[in-house]
Amino acid sequence: SLINDDASLAYLDIEEDYAIRDLLYALVLPSGA
């Protein structure tokens, strides 16, 4: 869905567990949807 919407991504691995801390970095540094 994000690819189809041409969203900005951090390119996280699908179904990989990430710490909330790491998700916050991925959210703001590369603007990861």
PDB file of all heavy atoms in Angstrom:
ATOM      1  N   SER A   1       0.832  -1.204   0.000  1.00  0.00           N
ATOM      2  CA  SER A   1       0.000   0.000   0.000  1.00  0.00           C
ATOM      3  C   SER A   1       0.872   1.263   0.000  1.00  0.00           C
ATOM      4  O   SER A   1       0.592   2.218  -0.731  1.00  0.00           O
ATOM      5  CB  SER A   1      -0.928  -0.008   1.218  1.00  0.00           C
ATOM      6  OG  SER A   1      -1.683   1.166   1.260  1.00  0.00           O
ATOM      7  N   LEU A   2       1.936   1.269   0.779  1.00  0.00           N
ATOM      8  CA  LEU A   2       2.839   2.422   0.829  1.00  0.00           C
ATOM      9  C   LEU A   2       3.567   2.613  -0.499  1.00  0.00           C
ATOM     10  O   LEU A   2       3.735   3.738  -0.974  1.00  0.00           O
ATOM     11  CB  LEU A   2       3.850   2.266   1.968  1.00  0.00           C
ATOM     12  CG  LEU A   2       3.270   2.351   3.378  1.00  0.00           C
ATOM     13  CD1 LEU A   2       4.327   1.975   4.409  1.00  0.00           C
ATOM     14  CD2 LEU A   2       2.699   3.727   3.648  1.00  0.00           C
ATOM     15  N   ILE A   3       3.972   1.516  -1.111  1.00  0.00           N
ATOM     16  CA  ILE A   3       4.632   1.583  -2.428  1.00  0.00           C
ATOM     17  C   ILE A   3       3.660   2.159  -3.454  1.00  0.00           C
ATOM     18  O   ILE A   3       4.019   3.034  -4.248  1.00  0.00           O
ATOM     19  CB  ILE A   3       5.137   0.193  -2.874  1.00  0.00           C
ATOM     20  CG1 ILE A   3       6.286  -0.277  -1.974  1.00  0.00           C
ATOM     21  CG2 ILE A   3       5.551   0.189  -4.333  1.00  0.00           C
ATOM     22  CD1 ILE A   3       7.553   0.534  -2.087  1.00  0.00           C
ATOM     23  N   ASN A   4       2.423   1.665  -3.448  1.00  0.00           N
ATOM     24  CA  ASN A   4       1.413   2.156  -4.393  1.00  0.00           C
ATOM     25  C   ASN A   4       1.106   3.642  -4.194  1.00  0.00           C
ATOM     26  O   ASN A   4       0.769   4.339  -5.153  1.00  0.00           O
ATOM     27  CB  ASN A   4       0.127   1.342  -4.280  1.00  0.00           C
ATOM     28  CG  ASN A   4       0.290  -0.058  -4.829  1.00  0.00           C
ATOM     29  OD1 ASN A   4       1.186  -0.327  -5.634  1.00  0.00           O
ATOM     30  ND2 ASN A   4      -0.554  -0.970  -4.383  1.00  0.00           N
ATOM     31  N   ASP A   5       1.238   4.126  -2.948  1.00  0.00           N
ATOM     32  CA  ASP A   5       0.990   5.544  -2.644  1.00  0.00           C
ATOM     33  C   ASP A   5       2.234   6.399  -2.860  1.00  0.00           C
ATOM     34  O   ASP A   5       2.201   7.599  -2.620  1.00  0.00           O
ATOM     35  CB  ASP A   5       0.517   5.706  -1.200  1.00  0.00           C
ATOM     36  CG  ASP A   5      -0.902   5.213  -1.002  1.00  0.00           C
ATOM     37  OD1 ASP A   5      -1.676   5.189  -1.980  1.00  0.00           O
ATOM     38  OD2 ASP A   5      -1.242   4.860   0.144  1.00  0.00           O
ATOM     39  N   ASP A   6       3.328   5.782  -3.289  1.00  0.00           N
ATOM     40  CA  ASP A   6       4.598   6.483  -3.520  1.00  0.00           C
ATOM     41  C   ASP A   6       5.077   7.195  -2.252  1.00  0.00           C
ATOM     42  O   ASP A   6       5.563   8.326  -2.286  1.00  0.00           O
ATOM     43  CB  ASP A   6       4.461   7.477  -4.681  1.00  0.00           C
ATOM     44  CG  ASP A   6       5.811   7.930  -5.224  1.00  0.00           C
ATOM     45  OD1 ASP A   6       6.788   7.152  -5.127  1.00  0.00           O
ATOM     46  OD2 ASP A   6       5.896   9.057  -5.731  1.00  0.00           O
ATOM     47  N   ALA A   7       4.933   6.503  -1.125  1.00  0.00           N
ATOM     48  CA  ALA A   7       5.319   7.066   0.170  1.00  0.00           C
ATOM     49  C   ALA A   7       6.837   7.059   0.339  1.00  0.00           C
ATOM     50  O   ALA A   7       7.536   6.206  -0.205  1.00  0.00           O
ATOM     51  CB  ALA A   7       4.666   6.260   1.292  1.00  0.00           C
ATOM     52  N   SER A   8       7.320   8.003   1.105  1.00  0.00           N
ATOM     53  CA  SER A   8       8.729   8.036   1.492  1.00  0.00           C
ATOM     54  C   SER A   8       8.970   6.905   2.487  1.00  0.00           C
ATOM     55  O   SER A   8       8.208   6.748   3.443  1.00  0.00           O
ATOM     56  CB  SER A   8       9.040   9.388   2.140  1.00  0.00           C
ATOM     57  OG  SER A   8      10.332   9.400   2.650  1.00  0.00           O
ATOM     58  N   LEU A   9      10.009   6.120   2.266  1.00  0.00           N
ATOM     59  CA  LEU A   9      10.248   4.929   3.090  1.00  0.00           C
ATOM     60  C   LEU A   9      11.622   4.937   3.746  1.00  0.00           C
ATOM     61  O   LEU A   9      12.572   5.509   3.214  1.00  0.00           O
ATOM     62  CB  LEU A   9      10.128   3.660   2.238  1.00  0.00           C
ATOM     63  CG  LEU A   9       8.791   3.416   1.554  1.00  0.00           C
ATOM     64  CD1 LEU A   9       8.884   2.230   0.607  1.00  0.00           C
ATOM     65  CD2 LEU A   9       7.695   3.188   2.585  1.00  0.00           C
ATOM     66  N   ALA A  10      11.704   4.253   4.882  1.00  0.00           N
ATOM     67  CA  ALA A  10      12.985   3.983   5.525  1.00  0.00           C
ATOM     68  C   ALA A  10      13.491   2.612   5.077  1.00  0.00           C
ATOM     69  O   ALA A  10      14.578   2.213   5.433  1.00  0.00           O
ATOM     70  CB  ALA A  10      12.840   4.019   7.045  1.00  0.00           C
ATOM     71  N   TYR A  11      12.699   1.900   4.320  1.00  0.00           N
ATOM     72  CA  TYR A  11      12.999   0.563   3.796  1.00  0.00           C
ATOM     73  C   TYR A  11      13.253  -0.444   4.909  1.00  0.00           C
ATOM     74  O   TYR A  11      14.224  -1.179   4.907  1.00  0.00           O
ATOM     75  CB  TYR A  11      14.143   0.611   2.779  1.00  0.00           C
ATOM     76  CG  TYR A  11      13.757   1.428   1.580  1.00  0.00           C
ATOM     77  CD1 TYR A  11      14.157   2.755   1.452  1.00  0.00           C
ATOM     78  CD2 TYR A  11      12.915   0.896   0.607  1.00  0.00           C
ATOM     79  CE1 TYR A  11      13.752   3.526   0.361  1.00  0.00           C
ATOM     80  CE2 TYR A  11      12.502   1.658  -0.484  1.00  0.00           C
ATOM     81  CZ  TYR A  11      12.930   2.967  -0.593  1.00  0.00           C
ATOM     82  OH  TYR A  11      12.524   3.727  -1.661  1.00  0.00           O
ATOM     83  N   LEU A  12      12.304  -0.460   5.849  1.00  0.00           N
ATOM     84  CA  LEU A  12      12.333  -1.450   6.916  1.00  0.00           C
ATOM     85  C   LEU A  12      11.974  -2.812   6.337  1.00  0.00           C
ATOM     86  O   LEU A  12      11.242  -2.908   5.349  1.00  0.00           O
ATOM     87  CB  LEU A  12      11.333  -1.070   8.007  1.00  0.00           C
ATOM     88  CG  LEU A  12      11.555   0.285   8.683  1.00  0.00           C
ATOM     89  CD1 LEU A  12      10.413   0.591   9.639  1.00  0.00           C
ATOM     90  CD2 LEU A  12      12.892   0.319   9.404  1.00  0.00           C
ATOM     91  N   ASP A  13      12.479  -3.862   6.965  1.00  0.00           N
ATOM     92  CA  ASP A  13      12.154  -5.214   6.529  1.00  0.00           C
ATOM     93  C   ASP A  13      10.740  -5.576   6.962  1.00  0.00           C
ATOM     94  O   ASP A  13      10.328  -5.306   8.098  1.00  0.00           O
ATOM     95  CB  ASP A  13      13.144  -6.224   7.114  1.00  0.00           C
ATOM     96  CG  ASP A  13      14.531  -6.088   6.512  1.00  0.00           C
ATOM     97  OD1 ASP A  13      14.624  -5.718   5.323  1.00  0.00           O
ATOM     98  OD2 ASP A  13      15.513  -6.340   7.234  1.00  0.00           O
ATOM     99  N   ILE A  14      10.016  -6.204   6.063  1.00  0.00           N
ATOM    100  CA  ILE A  14       8.631  -6.604   6.307  1.00  0.00           C
ATOM    101  C   ILE A  14       8.595  -7.667   7.394  1.00  0.00           C
ATOM    102  O   ILE A  14       9.401  -8.606   7.399  1.00  0.00           O
ATOM    103  CB  ILE A  14       7.996  -7.131   5.003  1.00  0.00           C
ATOM    104  CG1 ILE A  14       7.994  -6.014   3.958  1.00  0.00           C
ATOM    105  CG2 ILE A  14       6.591  -7.672   5.246  1.00  0.00           C
ATOM    106  CD1 ILE A  14       7.750  -6.493   2.554  1.00  0.00           C
ATOM    107  N   GLU A  15       7.633  -7.513   8.323  1.00  0.00           N
ATOM    108  CA  GLU A  15       7.389  -8.427   9.435  1.00  0.00           C
ATOM    109  C   GLU A  15       8.595  -8.607  10.352  1.00  0.00           C
ATOM    110  O   GLU A  15       8.658  -9.556  11.125  1.00  0.00           O
ATOM    111  CB  GLU A  15       6.853  -9.764   8.919  1.00  0.00           C
ATOM    112  CG  GLU A  15       5.508  -9.578   8.232  1.00  0.00           C
ATOM    113  CD  GLU A  15       4.840 -10.866   7.806  1.00  0.00           C
ATOM    114  OE1 GLU A  15       5.256 -11.940   8.251  1.00  0.00           O
ATOM    115  OE2 GLU A  15       3.876 -10.766   7.036  1.00  0.00           O
ATOM    116  N   GLU A  16       9.524  -7.684  10.311  1.00  0.00           N
ATOM    117  CA  GLU A  16      10.672  -7.660  11.227  1.00  0.00           C
ATOM    118  C   GLU A  16      10.301  -6.805  12.424  1.00  0.00           C
ATOM    119  O   GLU A  16       9.738  -5.709  12.261  1.00  0.00           O
ATOM    120  CB  GLU A  16      11.890  -7.069  10.518  1.00  0.00           C
ATOM    121  CG  GLU A  16      13.126  -6.959  11.363  1.00  0.00           C
ATOM    122  CD  GLU A  16      13.833  -8.286  11.553  1.00  0.00           C
ATOM    123  OE1 GLU A  16      13.672  -9.180  10.700  1.00  0.00           O
ATOM    124  OE2 GLU A  16      14.544  -8.420  12.565  1.00  0.00           O
ATOM    125  N   ASP A  17      10.592  -7.283  13.629  1.00  0.00           N
ATOM    126  CA  ASP A  17      10.323  -6.491  14.826  1.00  0.00           C
ATOM    127  C   ASP A  17      11.407  -5.438  15.014  1.00  0.00           C
ATOM    128  O   ASP A  17      12.604  -5.749  14.985  1.00  0.00           O
ATOM    129  CB  ASP A  17      10.257  -7.383  16.071  1.00  0.00           C
ATOM    130  CG  ASP A  17       8.930  -8.101  16.188  1.00  0.00           C
ATOM    131  OD1 ASP A  17       7.919  -7.553  15.738  1.00  0.00           O
ATOM    132  OD2 ASP A  17       8.912  -9.223  16.737  1.00  0.00           O
ATOM    133  N   TYR A  18      10.963  -4.200  15.212  1.00  0.00           N
ATOM    134  CA  TYR A  18      11.863  -3.079  15.450  1.00  0.00           C
ATOM    135  C   TYR A  18      11.507  -2.423  16.774  1.00  0.00           C
ATOM    136  O   TYR A  18      10.319  -2.267  17.085  1.00  0.00           O
ATOM    137  CB  TYR A  18      11.742  -2.030  14.342  1.00  0.00           C
ATOM    138  CG  TYR A  18      12.313  -2.466  13.033  1.00  0.00           C
ATOM    139  CD1 TYR A  18      11.505  -3.073  12.070  1.00  0.00           C
ATOM    140  CD2 TYR A  18      13.658  -2.290  12.737  1.00  0.00           C
ATOM    141  CE1 TYR A  18      12.020  -3.482  10.855  1.00  0.00           C
ATOM    142  CE2 TYR A  18      14.193  -2.695  11.525  1.00  0.00           C
ATOM    143  CZ  TYR A  18      13.369  -3.289  10.592  1.00  0.00           C
ATOM    144  OH  TYR A  18      13.891  -3.699   9.390  1.00  0.00           O
ATOM    145  N   ALA A  19      12.511  -2.017  17.522  1.00  0.00           N
ATOM    146  CA  ALA A  19      12.277  -1.281  18.765  1.00  0.00           C
ATOM    147  C   ALA A  19      11.633   0.067  18.422  1.00  0.00           C
ATOM    148  O   ALA A  19      11.945   0.671  17.393  1.00  0.00           O
ATOM    149  CB  ALA A  19      13.592  -1.061  19.509  1.00  0.00           C
ATOM    150  N   ILE A  20      10.741   0.515  19.290  1.00  0.00           N
ATOM    151  CA  ILE A  20      10.075   1.801  19.086  1.00  0.00           C
ATOM    152  C   ILE A  20      11.120   2.899  18.895  1.00  0.00           C
ATOM    153  O   ILE A  20      10.970   3.771  18.028  1.00  0.00           O
ATOM    154  CB  ILE A  20       9.133   2.139  20.273  1.00  0.00           C
ATOM    155  CG1 ILE A  20       8.041   1.070  20.423  1.00  0.00           C
ATOM    156  CG2 ILE A  20       8.542   3.532  20.124  1.00  0.00           C
ATOM    157  CD1 ILE A  20       7.141   0.877  19.229  1.00  0.00           C
ATOM    158  N   ARG A  21      12.185   2.843  19.656  1.00  0.00           N
ATOM    159  CA  ARG A  21      13.276   3.832  19.538  1.00  0.00           C
ATOM    160  C   ARG A  21      13.796   3.885  18.099  1.00  0.00           C
ATOM    161  O   ARG A  21      13.960   4.960  17.509  1.00  0.00           O
ATOM    162  CB  ARG A  21      14.407   3.465  20.499  1.00  0.00           C
ATOM    163  CG  ARG A  21      15.659   4.283  20.345  1.00  0.00           C
ATOM    164  CD  ARG A  21      16.779   3.825  21.277  1.00  0.00           C
ATOM    165  NE  ARG A  21      16.452   4.113  22.671  1.00  0.00           N
ATOM    166  CZ  ARG A  21      15.982   3.212  23.555  1.00  0.00           C
ATOM    167  NH1 ARG A  21      15.818   1.958  23.199  1.00  0.00           N
ATOM    168  NH2 ARG A  21      15.723   3.560  24.787  1.00  0.00           N
ATOM    169  N   ASP A  22      14.047   2.718  17.518  1.00  0.00           N
ATOM    170  CA  ASP A  22      14.560   2.652  16.146  1.00  0.00           C
ATOM    171  C   ASP A  22      13.512   3.125  15.146  1.00  0.00           C
ATOM    172  O   ASP A  22      13.843   3.752  14.133  1.00  0.00           O
ATOM    173  CB  ASP A  22      15.018   1.233  15.815  1.00  0.00           C
ATOM    174  CG  ASP A  22      16.201   0.799  16.675  1.00  0.00           C
ATOM    175  OD1 ASP A  22      16.995   1.675  17.089  1.00  0.00           O
ATOM    176  OD2 ASP A  22      16.334  -0.416  16.941  1.00  0.00           O
ATOM    177  N   LEU A  23      12.255   2.828  15.431  1.00  0.00           N
ATOM    178  CA  LEU A  23      11.180   3.289  14.549  1.00  0.00           C
ATOM    179  C   LEU A  23      11.067   4.812  14.557  1.00  0.00           C
ATOM    180  O   LEU A  23      10.772   5.417  13.518  1.00  0.00           O
ATOM    181  CB  LEU A  23       9.843   2.650  14.945  1.00  0.00           C
ATOM    182  CG  LEU A  23       9.751   1.142  14.689  1.00  0.00           C
ATOM    183  CD1 LEU A  23       8.464   0.584  15.287  1.00  0.00           C
ATOM    184  CD2 LEU A  23       9.844   0.840  13.207  1.00  0.00           C
ATOM    185  N   LEU A  24      11.331   5.428  15.694  1.00  0.00           N
ATOM    186  CA  LEU A  24      11.289   6.892  15.758  1.00  0.00           C
ATOM    187  C   LEU A  24      12.397   7.504  14.911  1.00  0.00           C
ATOM    188  O   LEU A  24      12.176   8.499  14.218  1.00  0.00           O
ATOM    189  CB  LEU A  24      11.374   7.364  17.212  1.00  0.00           C
ATOM    190  CG  LEU A  24      10.154   7.024  18.075  1.00  0.00           C
ATOM    191  CD1 LEU A  24      10.387   7.432  19.525  1.00  0.00           C
ATOM    192  CD2 LEU A  24       8.891   7.662  17.522  1.00  0.00           C
ATOM    193  N   TYR A  25      13.582   6.908  14.947  1.00  0.00           N
ATOM    194  CA  TYR A  25      14.656   7.380  14.072  1.00  0.00           C
ATOM    195  C   TYR A  25      14.262   7.199  12.611  1.00  0.00           C
ATOM    196  O   TYR A  25      14.444   8.094  11.787  1.00  0.00           O
ATOM    197  CB  TYR A  25      15.963   6.625  14.343  1.00  0.00           C
ATOM    198  CG  TYR A  25      16.677   7.062  15.593  1.00  0.00           C
ATOM    199  CD1 TYR A  25      16.849   6.181  16.655  1.00  0.00           C
ATOM    200  CD2 TYR A  25      17.196   8.348  15.716  1.00  0.00           C
ATOM    201  CE1 TYR A  25      17.517   6.569  17.806  1.00  0.00           C
ATOM    202  CE2 TYR A  25      17.860   8.748  16.857  1.00  0.00           C
ATOM    203  CZ  TYR A  25      18.022   7.856  17.904  1.00  0.00           C
ATOM    204  OH  TYR A  25      18.678   8.251  19.036  1.00  0.00           O
ATOM    205  N   ALA A  26      13.709   6.036  12.283  1.00  0.00           N
ATOM    206  CA  ALA A  26      13.298   5.751  10.901  1.00  0.00           C
ATOM    207  C   ALA A  26      12.145   6.661  10.468  1.00  0.00           C
ATOM    208  O   ALA A  26      11.999   6.977   9.290  1.00  0.00           O
ATOM    209  CB  ALA A  26      12.903   4.286  10.757  1.00  0.00           C
ATOM    210  N   LEU A  27      11.352   7.083  11.416  1.00  0.00           N
ATOM    211  CA  LEU A  27      10.228   7.977  11.129  1.00  0.00           C
ATOM    212  C   LEU A  27      10.705   9.362  10.711  1.00  0.00           C
ATOM    213  O   LEU A  27      10.192   9.929   9.745  1.00  0.00           O
ATOM    214  CB  LEU A  27       9.345   8.093  12.384  1.00  0.00           C
ATOM    215  CG  LEU A  27       8.123   8.990  12.297  1.00  0.00           C
ATOM    216  CD1 LEU A  27       7.046   8.340  11.432  1.00  0.00           C
ATOM    217  CD2 LEU A  27       7.580   9.267  13.698  1.00  0.00           C
ATOM    218  N   VAL A  28      11.707   9.906  11.415  1.00  0.00           N
ATOM    219  CA  VAL A  28      12.077  11.300  11.170  1.00  0.00           C
ATOM    220  C   VAL A  28      13.326  11.493  10.319  1.00  0.00           C
ATOM    221  O   VAL A  28      13.416  12.486   9.606  1.00  0.00           O
ATOM    222  CB  VAL A  28      12.212  12.103  12.488  1.00  0.00           C
ATOM    223  CG1 VAL A  28      10.879  12.207  13.176  1.00  0.00           C
ATOM    224  CG2 VAL A  28      13.250  11.518  13.398  1.00  0.00           C
ATOM    225  N   LEU A  29      14.283  10.589  10.367  1.00  0.00           N
ATOM    226  CA  LEU A  29      15.505  10.831   9.594  1.00  0.00           C
ATOM    227  C   LEU A  29      15.280  10.654   8.096  1.00  0.00           C
ATOM    228  O   LEU A  29      15.521  11.579   7.335  1.00  0.00           O
ATOM    229  CB  LEU A  29      16.663   9.980  10.125  1.00  0.00           C
ATOM    230  CG  LEU A  29      17.106  10.373  11.542  1.00  0.00           C
ATOM    231  CD1 LEU A  29      18.200   9.453  12.049  1.00  0.00           C
ATOM    232  CD2 LEU A  29      17.546  11.820  11.600  1.00  0.00           C
ATOM    233  N   PRO A  30      14.809   9.484   7.641  1.00  0.00           N
ATOM    234  CA  PRO A  30      14.484   9.389   6.207  1.00  0.00           C
ATOM    235  C   PRO A  30      13.013   9.660   5.919  1.00  0.00           C
ATOM    236  O   PRO A  30      12.538   9.451   4.822  1.00  0.00           O
ATOM    237  CB  PRO A  30      14.835   7.939   5.871  1.00  0.00           C
ATOM    238  CG  PRO A  30      14.561   7.190   7.129  1.00  0.00           C
ATOM    239  CD  PRO A  30      14.880   8.158   8.255  1.00  0.00           C
ATOM    240  N   SER A  31      12.264  10.097   6.946  1.00  0.00           N
ATOM    241  CA  SER A  31      10.834  10.378   6.817  1.00  0.00           C
ATOM    242  C   SER A  31      10.076   9.124   6.395  1.00  0.00           C
ATOM    243  O   SER A  31       9.277   9.138   5.464  1.00  0.00           O
ATOM    244  CB  SER A  31      10.593  11.521   5.830  1.00  0.00           C
ATOM    245  OG  SER A  31       9.300  12.024   5.966  1.00  0.00           O
ATOM    246  N   GLY A  32      10.326   8.042   7.108  1.00  0.00           N
ATOM    247  CA  GLY A  32       9.795   6.735   6.733  1.00  0.00           C
ATOM    248  C   GLY A  32       8.340   6.497   7.083  1.00  0.00           C
ATOM    249  O   GLY A  32       7.977   6.349   8.250  1.00  0.00           O
ATOM    250  N   ALA A  33       7.510   6.416   6.046  1.00  0.00           N
ATOM    251  CA  ALA A  33       6.095   6.090   6.248  1.00  0.00           C
ATOM    252  C   ALA A  33       5.940   4.663   6.757  1.00  0.00           C
ATOM    253  O   ALA A  33       4.986   4.363   7.471  1.00  0.00           O
ATOM    254  CB  ALA A  33       5.317   6.280   4.950  1.00  0.00           C
TER     255      ALA A  33
END
